[in-house]
Each structure stands twice: as C-alpha cells, then as structure tokens.
Protein backbone atom coordinates (compact mmCIF):
# COMPACT_ATOMS: atom_id res chain seq x y z
CA MET A 1 78.25 34.08 116.17
CA MET A 2 76.75 37.72 114.11
CA PHE A 3 77.97 40.68 115.59
CA PRO A 4 76.26 44.01 115.02
CA ARG A 5 76.87 45.16 112.15
CA MET A 6 78.89 48.20 112.72
CA PHE A 7 80.99 46.69 115.40
CA VAL A 8 82.81 43.41 114.24
CA LEU A 9 86.37 42.30 114.85
CA ILE A 10 88.17 41.95 111.18
CA ALA A 11 90.89 40.97 109.84
CA GLY A 12 93.15 43.40 107.84
CA ALA A 13 93.14 44.05 104.01
CA LEU A 14 96.49 45.29 104.22
CA LEU A 15 98.67 43.34 106.07
CA SER A 16 96.25 39.90 106.63
CA ALA A 17 99.84 37.49 107.93
CA PHE A 18 99.81 40.55 110.72
CA LEU A 19 95.97 40.57 111.10
CA ALA A 20 95.66 36.45 111.44
CA GLY A 21 98.35 36.74 114.24
CA CYS A 22 96.33 39.32 116.09
CA ALA A 23 92.72 37.98 115.44
CA GLY A 24 92.51 35.84 118.99
CA ASN A 25 93.53 39.01 121.21
CA ALA A 26 92.64 42.34 119.13
CA SER A 27 91.94 43.79 122.83
CA SER A 28 95.25 43.60 123.86
CA PRO A 29 97.18 46.72 124.75
CA ALA A 30 100.02 46.05 121.94
CA ALA A 31 97.45 46.04 119.24
CA ALA A 32 97.57 49.69 119.73
CA ASP A 33 101.28 50.45 121.09
CA ASP A 34 101.83 52.99 119.18
CA ASP A 35 99.52 55.22 116.57
CA GLY A 36 101.49 55.42 113.78
CA HIS A 37 103.72 58.40 114.46
CA GLY A 38 106.04 56.88 117.07
CA HIS A 39 103.90 58.04 120.20
CA ALA A 40 103.35 55.02 123.43
CA ALA A 41 99.10 54.97 123.16
CA GLY A 42 98.51 56.32 126.25
CA SER A 43 101.16 59.32 125.96
CA ASP A 44 99.65 62.89 125.42
CA ALA A 45 99.85 62.92 121.47
CA ALA A 46 98.15 59.72 121.49
CA LYS A 47 95.32 58.97 123.74
CA PRO A 48 92.79 56.60 122.87
CA ASP A 49 88.72 56.58 123.23
CA ARG A 50 89.53 54.74 126.43
CA SER A 51 85.72 54.63 127.40
CA SER A 52 84.91 51.82 125.51
CA THR A 53 84.77 48.31 127.33
CA ALA A 54 86.28 45.15 126.57
CA ALA A 55 83.56 44.10 125.18
CA ASP A 56 83.01 47.04 122.80
CA ALA A 57 86.75 46.65 121.68
CA ASP A 58 85.71 42.72 120.67
CA GLU A 59 82.81 43.61 119.34
CA GLY A 60 83.92 47.00 117.19
CA VAL A 61 87.68 47.36 116.76
CA VAL A 62 89.24 46.70 113.04
CA ALA A 63 92.72 45.60 114.92
CA LEU A 64 95.43 47.02 113.66
CA THR A 65 99.20 46.66 114.71
CA ALA A 66 101.48 49.92 114.90
CA GLU A 67 103.19 48.24 112.15
CA GLN A 68 100.01 47.50 110.02
CA ILE A 69 99.32 51.69 110.79
CA ARG A 70 102.73 52.94 109.69
CA ALA A 71 102.64 50.11 106.27
CA SER A 72 98.70 51.59 105.67
CA GLY A 73 99.92 55.10 105.70
CA ILE A 74 97.02 55.39 108.58
CA GLU A 75 97.71 58.98 109.95
CA VAL A 76 96.18 59.67 113.12
CA VAL A 77 94.91 63.55 114.27
CA ALA A 78 92.91 65.20 117.24
CA VAL A 79 89.54 66.84 116.15
CA GLY A 80 89.79 70.14 115.23
CA ARG A 81 87.92 73.14 116.89
CA GLY A 82 86.53 76.34 114.99
CA GLY A 83 84.68 76.35 111.60
CA GLY A 84 82.89 78.28 109.01
CA GLY A 85 80.52 78.67 106.74
CA SER A 86 81.99 78.03 103.00
CA THR A 87 81.18 80.31 100.03
CA ARG A 88 81.52 79.20 96.43
CA LEU A 89 82.83 81.40 94.48
CA SER A 90 83.11 81.61 90.34
CA GLY A 91 85.72 83.40 88.02
CA ARG A 92 87.91 82.84 85.63
CA VAL A 93 91.71 83.08 85.04
CA GLU A 94 93.41 86.40 83.99
CA PRO A 95 96.39 88.18 82.92
CA SER A 96 97.44 90.24 86.04
CA ILE A 97 97.63 94.44 86.44
CA GLY A 98 101.04 94.83 84.63
CA ALA A 99 100.78 91.58 82.86
CA ARG A 100 98.88 92.12 80.19
CA ALA A 101 98.24 95.31 77.80
CA SER A 102 95.93 96.41 74.60
CA VAL A 103 98.72 98.83 72.46
CA ALA A 104 96.90 100.99 70.92
CA SER A 105 98.22 103.90 68.20
CA SER A 106 99.07 107.00 68.98
CA VAL A 107 98.91 108.79 65.57
CA THR A 108 96.77 108.53 62.96
CA GLY A 109 98.39 107.44 59.77
CA ARG A 110 98.79 104.28 57.57
CA VAL A 111 99.96 100.87 58.33
CA GLU A 112 103.15 100.30 56.56
CA ARG A 113 103.66 96.97 57.99
CA VAL A 114 102.72 93.97 60.59
CA LEU A 115 105.49 92.62 62.34
CA VAL A 116 103.41 90.40 64.78
CA ALA A 117 100.68 87.61 64.39
CA PRO A 118 98.59 85.85 67.47
CA GLY A 119 100.60 83.77 69.26
CA THR A 120 103.78 85.53 68.56
CA ALA A 121 106.26 85.94 72.12
CA VAL A 122 107.52 89.35 72.16
CA THR A 123 109.58 91.19 74.81
CA SER A 124 109.04 94.73 76.90
CA GLY A 125 110.00 97.43 73.39
CA GLN A 126 109.47 95.06 70.72
CA ALA A 127 107.78 96.58 67.39
CA LEU A 128 104.46 94.96 66.82
CA ALA A 129 103.61 97.37 63.50
CA ILE A 130 104.67 100.43 61.86
CA VAL A 131 102.82 103.35 60.80
CA VAL A 132 102.98 106.10 58.21
CA SER A 133 101.49 109.40 59.59
CA GLY A 134 102.09 112.80 58.36
CA GLU A 135 100.87 114.14 61.70
CA ALA A 136 103.94 112.43 63.26
CA ALA A 137 105.75 113.65 60.95
CA VAL A 138 104.47 117.08 61.25
CA TYR A 139 105.69 116.66 64.90
CA ARG A 140 109.30 115.38 64.21
CA ALA A 141 109.34 118.86 62.25
CA ASN A 142 108.41 120.94 65.44
CA ALA A 143 110.99 119.03 67.45
CA LEU A 144 113.93 119.66 65.07
CA ALA A 145 112.83 123.40 64.77
CA ALA A 146 112.26 123.85 68.39
CA ALA A 147 116.39 122.85 69.06
CA ALA A 148 116.94 124.42 66.04
CA GLU A 149 115.97 127.70 68.00
CA ALA A 150 116.77 127.28 71.22
CA GLU A 151 120.62 126.32 69.99
CA ALA A 152 120.65 129.95 68.39
CA ALA A 153 119.19 131.62 71.50
CA ARG A 154 121.51 130.27 73.60
CA LEU A 155 124.68 131.48 70.66
CA ALA A 156 123.27 135.03 70.96
CA HIS A 157 123.03 134.96 74.43
CA GLY A 158 126.64 134.09 74.57
CA ARG A 159 127.88 136.70 72.49
CA ASP A 160 125.82 139.09 74.54
CA LYS A 161 127.47 137.83 77.44
CA ALA A 162 130.84 138.33 76.21
CA LEU A 163 130.12 142.01 75.09
CA VAL A 164 128.94 142.93 78.32
CA GLU A 165 132.38 141.96 79.79
CA GLN A 166 134.07 144.17 77.42
CA GLY A 167 131.14 146.73 78.14
CA VAL A 168 129.82 147.23 74.52
CA VAL A 169 126.17 145.80 75.34
CA ALA A 170 124.49 146.92 78.37
CA ARG A 171 123.67 144.17 81.04
CA GLN A 172 119.99 144.63 80.57
CA GLU A 173 120.66 142.96 77.07
CA LEU A 174 122.60 140.32 78.75
CA GLU A 175 119.65 138.96 80.70
CA ALA A 176 116.77 139.52 78.02
CA SER A 177 119.01 137.23 75.61
CA ARG A 178 119.27 134.76 78.39
CA ALA A 179 115.68 134.54 78.95
CA ARG A 180 114.97 134.13 75.64
CA ALA A 181 117.49 131.20 75.45
CA LEU A 182 115.94 129.48 78.67
CA ALA A 183 112.04 130.20 76.88
CA ALA A 184 114.10 128.69 73.43
CA GLN A 185 115.29 125.75 75.70
CA ALA A 186 111.55 125.27 77.10
CA GLN A 187 109.79 125.04 73.89
CA ALA A 188 112.46 122.61 72.52
CA ALA A 189 111.86 120.50 75.38
CA ALA A 190 108.25 120.62 74.95
CA ALA A 191 108.26 119.39 70.88
CA GLN A 192 110.97 116.97 71.74
CA ALA A 193 108.58 115.56 74.39
CA GLN A 194 105.65 115.49 71.89
CA ALA A 195 107.38 113.79 69.40
CA ALA A 196 108.26 111.29 71.71
CA ALA A 197 104.61 110.24 73.22
CA ASN A 198 103.49 110.15 69.80
CA GLY A 199 105.95 107.28 68.85
CA ALA A 200 109.05 108.86 68.04
CA PRO A 201 108.21 109.26 64.17
CA ASP A 202 111.35 109.39 61.71
CA ALA A 203 112.07 112.55 59.34
CA SER A 204 109.54 110.00 57.14
CA GLY A 205 106.79 110.20 60.03
CA ARG A 206 106.63 106.39 60.35
CA VAL A 207 106.25 105.77 63.90
CA ARG A 208 107.28 102.14 65.64
CA ILE A 209 103.93 100.42 68.02
CA THR A 210 105.58 99.16 70.80
CA SER A 211 104.86 96.90 73.40
CA PRO A 212 104.82 97.80 77.09
CA VAL A 213 105.03 94.65 77.82
CA ALA A 214 106.77 91.23 77.49
CA GLY A 215 104.04 88.17 76.74
CA ILE A 216 102.69 86.76 74.40
CA VAL A 217 100.30 88.19 71.07
CA GLY A 218 97.03 87.78 71.61
CA ASN A 219 95.10 89.69 69.03
CA VAL A 220 96.15 91.92 66.08
CA GLN A 221 93.51 94.21 65.03
CA VAL A 222 95.32 95.54 61.79
CA THR A 223 96.88 94.89 58.49
CA PRO A 224 99.00 96.16 56.20
CA GLY A 225 97.78 99.09 53.93
CA GLY A 226 94.48 99.83 56.41
CA VAL A 227 94.21 103.28 57.84
CA VAL A 228 94.36 103.10 61.80
CA ALA A 229 92.94 106.41 64.17
CA ALA A 230 95.09 107.58 66.96
CA GLY A 231 93.62 105.78 70.19
CA SER A 232 92.83 102.56 68.18
CA VAL A 233 94.24 98.92 69.80
CA VAL A 234 96.63 97.68 67.28
CA ALA A 235 96.71 94.38 69.21
CA ASP A 236 96.83 92.54 72.42
CA VAL A 237 99.63 91.69 74.50
CA ALA A 238 99.65 89.40 78.08
CA ASP A 239 102.22 87.20 80.07
CA PRO A 240 100.99 83.91 80.62
CA ALA A 241 103.76 83.34 83.48
CA MET A 242 101.52 86.31 85.40
CA ASN A 243 97.91 84.65 85.32
CA GLU A 244 95.44 84.83 88.39
CA LEU A 245 92.54 83.74 89.55
CA VAL A 246 89.77 86.54 89.67
CA PHE A 247 86.64 85.05 91.26
CA THR A 248 83.32 87.47 92.05
CA ALA A 249 81.25 87.28 94.87
CA PRO A 250 78.55 89.46 96.94
CA PRO A 251 79.81 92.79 98.11
CA ALA A 252 79.59 91.79 101.41
CA LEU A 253 82.16 89.11 101.38
CA ALA A 254 84.61 91.22 100.16
CA ALA A 255 84.80 92.38 104.00
CA GLN A 256 85.04 88.53 105.77
CA VAL A 257 87.90 87.64 102.67
CA ARG A 258 91.75 89.08 103.66
CA PRO A 259 95.28 88.54 101.92
CA GLY A 260 96.12 85.73 102.93
CA MET A 261 93.21 83.11 103.42
CA THR A 262 93.23 79.91 101.58
CA LEU A 263 90.94 79.18 98.59
CA GLU A 264 90.42 75.36 97.43
CA VAL A 265 90.14 75.67 93.89
CA SER A 266 88.28 73.38 91.34
CA VAL A 267 88.90 73.29 87.90
CA PRO A 268 88.09 70.87 84.85
CA GLY A 269 90.42 67.99 85.76
CA GLY A 270 91.40 68.69 88.62
CA SER A 271 92.25 70.67 91.88
CA PHE A 272 94.73 73.07 93.99
CA THR A 273 95.11 75.25 96.74
CA ALA A 274 95.21 79.26 95.89
CA THR A 275 96.10 82.03 98.27
CA VAL A 276 93.77 85.55 98.28
CA THR A 277 95.96 88.47 97.09
CA GLY A 278 93.52 90.74 97.40
CA ALA A 279 89.55 91.65 97.46
CA ALA A 280 88.10 94.36 97.34
CA ALA A 281 83.65 95.52 96.47
CA ASP A 282 83.60 97.10 93.04
CA VAL A 283 80.37 99.54 93.54
CA ARG A 284 81.26 101.13 90.16
CA GLN A 285 78.71 97.61 88.67
CA GLN A 286 74.86 97.57 88.89
CA GLY A 287 74.11 95.78 92.23
CA GLY A 288 77.74 95.96 93.72
CA VAL A 289 80.18 93.22 93.54
CA ALA A 290 83.34 91.75 95.70
CA VAL A 291 86.17 90.95 93.58
CA ILE A 292 88.94 88.31 95.04
CA ARG A 293 92.17 87.88 93.29
CA ALA A 294 94.30 85.21 94.05
CA MET A 295 97.49 83.00 93.37
CA PRO A 296 97.19 79.45 93.34
CA VAL A 297 100.10 77.47 95.14
CA GLU A 298 102.44 75.22 93.56
CA ALA A 299 100.05 74.93 90.66
CA ALA A 300 100.01 75.79 87.43
CA LEU A 301 97.08 78.17 86.27
CA PRO A 302 95.14 76.64 82.53
CA PRO A 303 95.67 79.37 80.27
CA ALA A 304 93.27 82.96 80.48
CA GLY A 305 89.82 82.76 80.44
CA SER A 306 89.46 78.95 81.57
CA PRO A 307 86.50 79.25 83.99
CA VAL A 308 87.36 78.24 87.51
CA SER A 309 85.10 77.72 90.86
CA ALA A 310 86.69 77.91 94.31
CA VAL A 311 85.42 77.67 97.54
CA VAL A 312 85.98 80.22 100.51
CA VAL A 313 85.51 79.59 104.63
CA THR A 314 84.53 82.43 106.49
CA GLU A 315 82.57 83.75 109.57
CA GLY A 316 85.00 80.88 111.99
CA LYS A 317 83.33 79.49 115.38
CA ASP A 318 85.93 78.89 117.75
CA ASP A 319 83.89 76.38 119.48
CA SER A 320 82.40 74.06 117.04
CA LEU A 321 84.48 70.52 116.19
CA SER A 322 86.03 70.05 112.23
CA VAL A 323 87.68 67.03 110.91
CA PRO A 324 89.54 66.50 107.69
CA ALA A 325 86.81 65.61 104.76
CA ASP A 326 88.67 62.11 104.45
CA ALA A 327 87.49 61.02 108.25
CA VAL A 328 84.06 60.76 107.16
CA GLN A 329 83.33 57.85 105.81
CA ASN A 330 79.92 56.45 105.03
CA VAL A 331 79.31 52.98 107.16
CA ASP A 332 76.11 51.79 106.76
CA GLY A 333 74.13 54.46 105.71
CA ASN A 334 75.56 56.63 108.08
CA SER A 335 78.41 59.01 108.43
CA ALA A 336 81.68 57.88 110.77
CA VAL A 337 84.33 58.68 111.71
CA PHE A 338 87.39 55.84 113.23
CA VAL A 339 88.05 56.69 116.97
CA ALA A 340 91.59 55.36 117.93
CA VAL A 341 90.85 52.68 120.87
CA GLU A 342 92.27 49.76 122.71
CA GLY A 343 93.15 47.54 120.21
CA GLY A 344 92.77 49.21 117.15
CA PHE A 345 90.28 52.26 115.70
CA LYS A 346 86.58 52.10 115.81
CA ALA A 347 83.71 52.86 113.56
CA GLN A 348 81.54 56.35 115.53
CA PRO A 349 78.53 57.41 113.84
CA VAL A 350 78.93 61.38 113.59
CA LEU A 351 76.14 64.01 112.64
CA ALA A 352 77.79 65.56 109.81
CA GLY A 353 77.54 69.24 109.20
CA ARG A 354 78.34 72.11 106.57
CA ARG A 355 81.97 70.71 104.63
CA ALA A 356 84.65 74.19 104.32
CA GLY A 357 87.33 73.60 101.82
CA ASP A 358 88.99 69.99 102.67
CA ARG A 359 87.23 70.28 106.39
CA ILE A 360 83.42 68.85 107.58
CA GLU A 361 82.00 70.23 110.66
CA ILE A 362 80.85 68.00 113.44
CA LEU A 363 77.61 68.57 115.07
CA GLY A 364 77.15 65.58 117.38
CA GLY A 365 79.05 62.25 117.86
CA LEU A 366 82.13 63.15 119.39
CA THR A 367 83.51 65.28 122.20
CA GLY A 368 86.69 66.84 120.98
CA SER A 369 89.37 64.85 122.81
CA GLU A 370 89.81 61.82 120.70
CA ARG A 371 92.09 60.85 118.38
CA ILE A 372 90.32 59.88 114.88
CA VAL A 373 91.75 58.98 111.44
CA GLY A 374 92.34 61.62 109.04
CA SER A 375 93.70 59.87 106.13
CA ASN A 376 93.06 56.89 104.59
CA ALA A 377 89.77 56.00 106.57
CA PHE A 378 88.51 54.13 103.52
CA LEU A 379 90.34 51.20 104.20
CA LEU A 380 89.45 50.86 107.23
CA LYS A 381 86.12 51.21 105.96
CA ALA A 382 86.58 48.51 103.55
CA GLU A 383 87.89 46.04 106.17
CA LEU A 384 84.38 46.90 107.88
CA ALA A 385 82.61 45.65 104.44
CA LYS A 386 84.98 42.65 104.40
CA GLY A 387 84.01 41.18 108.22
CA GLU A 388 80.67 41.82 107.63
CA ALA A 389 80.75 39.56 104.80
CA GLU A 390 82.59 37.34 106.23
CA HIS A 391 80.35 36.32 109.74
CA GLY A 392 76.79 37.14 107.55
CA HIS A 393 77.92 33.33 106.34
C-alpha cells in the first residue's frame, strides 16, 4: 500500500531492533509514554498534539519509544514566543581599551639602544629603548639646581628662626625667609616633575622609554643610531589576552543594542556566542556610525586584526512564534518541524520567516501549544526518507 509522501510509518534508524518491535502498534500510547525528559505524555511538561486521528498516526508518525528518544539525543521543547529582526554586523578583533599602547618618546634625542623586537613579551614599566638627549640632560640639571636652592632656603629659614628666638633678627625677616623657602620648595618640585615627565633622565641625559602596559610588542619604529622626535612612536604594545570584538553598524542600531545582549559571531572555521559590553553612536565619522563592543562567552578570539561578522537580534515581537534553527528541516522541498504526537513524532509543514541568531520565526503551521523536536531533528528526517524508499518498491 502506498502512503502519502510526507506521512509514512517507518522504523527508527538508530535502534532498528526496538523499531521492529514497535512497527505493528505505532499508534499505541506505550510508544510515547515519555517525551525524552522523564515526563509522561499526558503531563503538562510534554503534551503531544492530540488532534491527530489514529489514521493520521498510522500514516504520519515516526514511531520511537522513550528509550529510543533518549538514545538518539532527541530533545523535545516548547514552541517559543517572541521574535525579532536580525542585523548582520561586520567588525574586527581589536585590543581592548587599556590593553594597548603606542609608546612614544618624551624627548628629542638619539636612539642609543633598542631593547625589544616585534613579538617580544614585555611587562608594565619595562624599557623598550634608550634615548640620549641633551634636552633631557637640561631637565635633570634644572631639577638638581632647584633642589639645591630649596635646601639652601630651608637652612636660611632655620637660622632666621633661631636668631628671632634670640632677639637678634626681627620677626618680619623670619616671615620673609619662610616665604622664600616655600617658593624654592615649589620650584624644586616643579623641576622634578618636569624631569619625571620627560623620562626621568640620568645625569648624562639618557632616557628609558618604557611600556605603560604588559603585552606583546607589535611594531618597532626606531633603530639604534637614529634620531627620534618628541612625540614620535617608538613601539606598539598590546595584550592579546584582553582582545575584544568591535563592530560597526548604522547609528540607529546603537539605541536598540544594549549591554548584555547576545551576538552570534562567525569566524573562519566556526562560530561562537558573544555578549555586548557597550554600544554608542560615533558622530565624528562622516555619516555617523554605531560602534558595538562585545566579549566572547567561553571562546578564544582570533588574533587582533582578524575580520569577524555577527548577527544581533533586535525589535522583538511578543506575539510571534519561534523555534530553534535546528528544528526546521527541509522535508519534500518544504519547511517542516517534527511535532510530538501519540506514538512518536509527526512532520508538520510550517511557513518559516526570518532567522534571528539561533532561532527561526514561524509565520504559519503552528499554534504555539505544540511540543516539537528542538535538536537532532535531522535524524527523524532521515527516517522519513528511509521509509519513503522502502515503501516505494
């Protein structure tokens, strides 16, 4: 007897021995006493679609027992509510703010030594190069001279204080010497700060150009013997352990994307989930653009500079239906999901809408009360195909 193409009683591919024993009574309640999660078929946790008749069950059910469901890893889930639009983003892997630095020379001078090369791991405060600068030597000398003047003014104030106590010097002289001592101390502090801001040179004017962050040296732009100007970049340093995902999008998306939202990120060779850490519109760029930053969830990022893409779901609708993307299968050229019914699972044609991340919007074919196969639905599709081939002879 030839059955309709989409509704065929077949034996389970995973456990054929069990299926052979169930083929004669595929419509019996024993074949669907459990939904694979320890729930009875009549419980609230696993209610099958009981609108199917016995004839429908005979012609459209892939018969599986609870043991076969568990063995095959089939998961029965409820139809979800709420969907939305998805936007594909393009971006790159970049070092996060605070984990990268373009280290520049603070003075103009001659490069005496270069202490690192591209790929060298450095710690915070480690020297990258040594620059000899006459300008830096002047800063050091000024700091020493100011410190000496401050010490002399302090000693003079001490002598005046002793003479005032002896009645030899007027009190106004003591007050004047105290003011001179305070002014000298302030000038010494300013000179020392100026020397420190210019690399804290030694007496010979040597300045150590140090990295403010720990990481890997990416680019060295000076060579020994060359002259570097104040403000010129000596080397780039970034910490690869603190990379993040940076995407660009239309400015309007910045108002719809919030920290904590999930992104489905695609990279060459695979995909992973990431969480949004921040989103803002950058009005400085021509035409405006939204910058979205995200961090991976238990996944390793490619090296900095690698291109990536992602899908973000926005504009949710509470009255729409959605199912896991793996639940929708192509059966006889049509989209279908497998609904839990008496005796197993039935292929139910559906009208699929947009895909948003790992879920697909369902525009028709389901009421929302069904229990469907959410994972490993392709196994049931294979059983349908096998059954059609057996009954075609």
